[in-house]
Protein backbone atom coordinates (compact mmCIF):
# COMPACT_ATOMS: atom_id res chain seq x y z
CA UNK A 1 114.50 126.87 77.61
CA UNK A 2 113.91 124.68 80.61
CA UNK A 3 113.75 120.88 80.10
CA UNK A 4 110.60 119.11 81.17
CA UNK A 5 110.95 117.88 84.77
CA UNK A 6 111.20 114.17 85.28
CA UNK A 7 108.88 113.14 88.12
CA UNK A 8 110.09 110.33 90.32
CA UNK A 9 110.16 109.20 93.90
CA UNK A 10 112.00 106.57 95.89
CA UNK A 11 110.79 104.32 98.71
CA UNK A 12 112.90 102.04 100.99
CA UNK A 13 111.32 98.67 101.62
CA UNK A 14 110.60 98.17 105.25
CA UNK A 15 109.04 95.20 107.06
CA UNK A 16 105.54 94.54 105.76
CA UNK A 17 106.25 95.96 102.29
CA UNK A 18 104.95 92.83 100.63
CA UNK A 19 101.39 93.80 101.57
CA UNK A 20 101.48 97.39 100.29
CA UNK A 21 103.75 100.26 99.34
CA UNK A 22 103.11 103.75 100.62
CA UNK A 23 103.40 106.68 98.12
CA UNK A 24 105.27 109.57 99.63
CA UNK A 25 102.81 112.21 100.67
CA UNK A 26 104.50 115.16 98.87
CA UNK A 27 104.59 113.18 95.53
CA UNK A 28 101.05 112.04 96.05
CA UNK A 29 99.59 115.50 96.86
CA UNK A 30 101.60 117.26 94.05
CA UNK A 31 101.25 114.75 91.23
CA UNK A 32 98.66 112.12 91.89
CA UNK A 33 95.80 113.31 94.22
CA UNK A 34 92.86 114.74 92.20
CA UNK A 35 94.82 114.64 88.92
CA UNK A 36 94.08 111.08 87.76
CA UNK A 37 90.96 109.51 86.38
CA UNK A 38 91.62 106.02 87.74
CA UNK A 39 93.40 104.19 90.49
CA UNK A 40 95.35 101.69 88.45
CA UNK A 41 99.12 102.08 88.01
CA UNK A 42 100.97 100.32 85.25
CA UNK A 43 104.50 99.24 86.38
CA UNK A 44 107.36 98.34 84.13
CA UNK A 45 110.94 97.43 84.77
CA UNK A 46 114.18 96.44 83.00
CA UNK A 47 113.95 92.91 84.39
CA UNK A 48 110.94 91.80 82.28
CA UNK A 49 108.91 92.75 79.37
CA UNK A 50 105.76 92.24 81.34
CA UNK A 51 103.74 95.17 82.65
CA UNK A 52 102.07 95.00 86.03
CA UNK A 53 98.66 96.47 86.93
CA UNK A 54 98.69 97.63 90.58
CA UNK A 55 95.75 99.21 92.38
CA UNK A 56 96.15 102.51 94.25
CA UNK A 57 94.02 102.88 97.37
CA UNK A 58 94.56 106.29 98.86
CA UNK A 59 98.27 106.58 99.29
CA UNK A 60 99.00 102.92 99.01
CA UNK A 61 99.79 100.47 96.11
CA UNK A 62 97.85 97.35 97.09
CA UNK A 63 96.47 94.73 94.80
CA UNK A 64 99.00 93.60 92.34
CA UNK A 65 101.98 95.01 94.30
CA UNK A 66 102.72 91.72 96.06
CA UNK A 67 103.00 89.93 92.75
CA UNK A 68 105.36 92.61 91.41
CA UNK A 69 107.48 92.45 94.48
CA UNK A 70 107.74 88.68 94.46
CA UNK A 71 108.52 88.50 90.72
CA UNK A 72 111.33 91.05 91.26
CA UNK A 73 112.63 89.23 94.42
CA UNK A 74 112.37 92.49 96.39
CA UNK A 75 113.53 92.30 99.96
CA UNK A 76 113.54 94.34 103.11
CA UNK A 77 116.29 97.02 102.86
CA UNK A 78 115.94 97.31 99.02
CA UNK A 79 115.04 100.75 97.57
CA UNK A 80 112.64 101.11 94.63
CA UNK A 81 112.74 104.21 92.39
CA UNK A 82 109.44 105.04 90.56
CA UNK A 83 109.77 107.29 87.52
CA UNK A 84 106.61 108.60 85.92
CA UNK A 85 106.65 107.87 82.24
CA UNK A 86 103.12 108.55 81.24
CA UNK A 87 99.58 108.68 82.54
CA UNK A 88 99.88 106.44 85.68
CA UNK A 89 102.73 104.53 83.96
CA UNK A 90 105.77 104.14 86.14
CA UNK A 91 109.16 102.57 85.44
CA UNK A 92 110.43 100.87 88.59
CA UNK A 93 114.26 100.46 89.25
CA UNK A 94 115.12 98.36 92.35
CA UNK A 95 118.27 98.92 94.27
CA UNK A 96 119.78 96.44 96.68
CA UNK A 97 121.44 97.01 100.11
CA UNK A 98 124.65 97.74 98.28
CA UNK A 99 122.94 100.92 96.87
CA UNK A 100 123.47 99.66 93.38
CA UNK A 101 120.70 98.71 91.00
CA UNK A 102 119.80 94.99 91.24
CA UNK A 103 121.29 93.19 88.29
CA UNK A 104 119.09 90.27 87.09
CA UNK A 105 121.03 87.47 85.46
CA UNK A 106 118.26 86.89 82.90
CA UNK A 107 114.87 88.32 82.11
CA UNK A 108 112.26 87.45 84.76
CA UNK A 109 109.81 84.85 83.57
CA UNK A 110 106.43 85.21 85.22
CA UNK A 111 103.96 82.37 85.02
């Protein structure tokens, strides 16, 4: 019997990523467009117990994305992997320029 498919995508962070993140067209058209009731994504990560509410506008993650990126100290050249865990809930794993996941020395504290 086939295992359920894990849905995920990755996105390299290019100049301007702090303002918004673009969802890849194939992932968007196959798994998001017309299949959701809302436009709010919940983001989680291993770096903190906090969840982040980020607004999706068309193929972009906008409001809330900047705060997530700043809290995780994301930089140009990093890569983020989004794994769909539930209805619009995504676990985000950031990778640095070394192509290894970013190791945080302690849990991020967001004020």
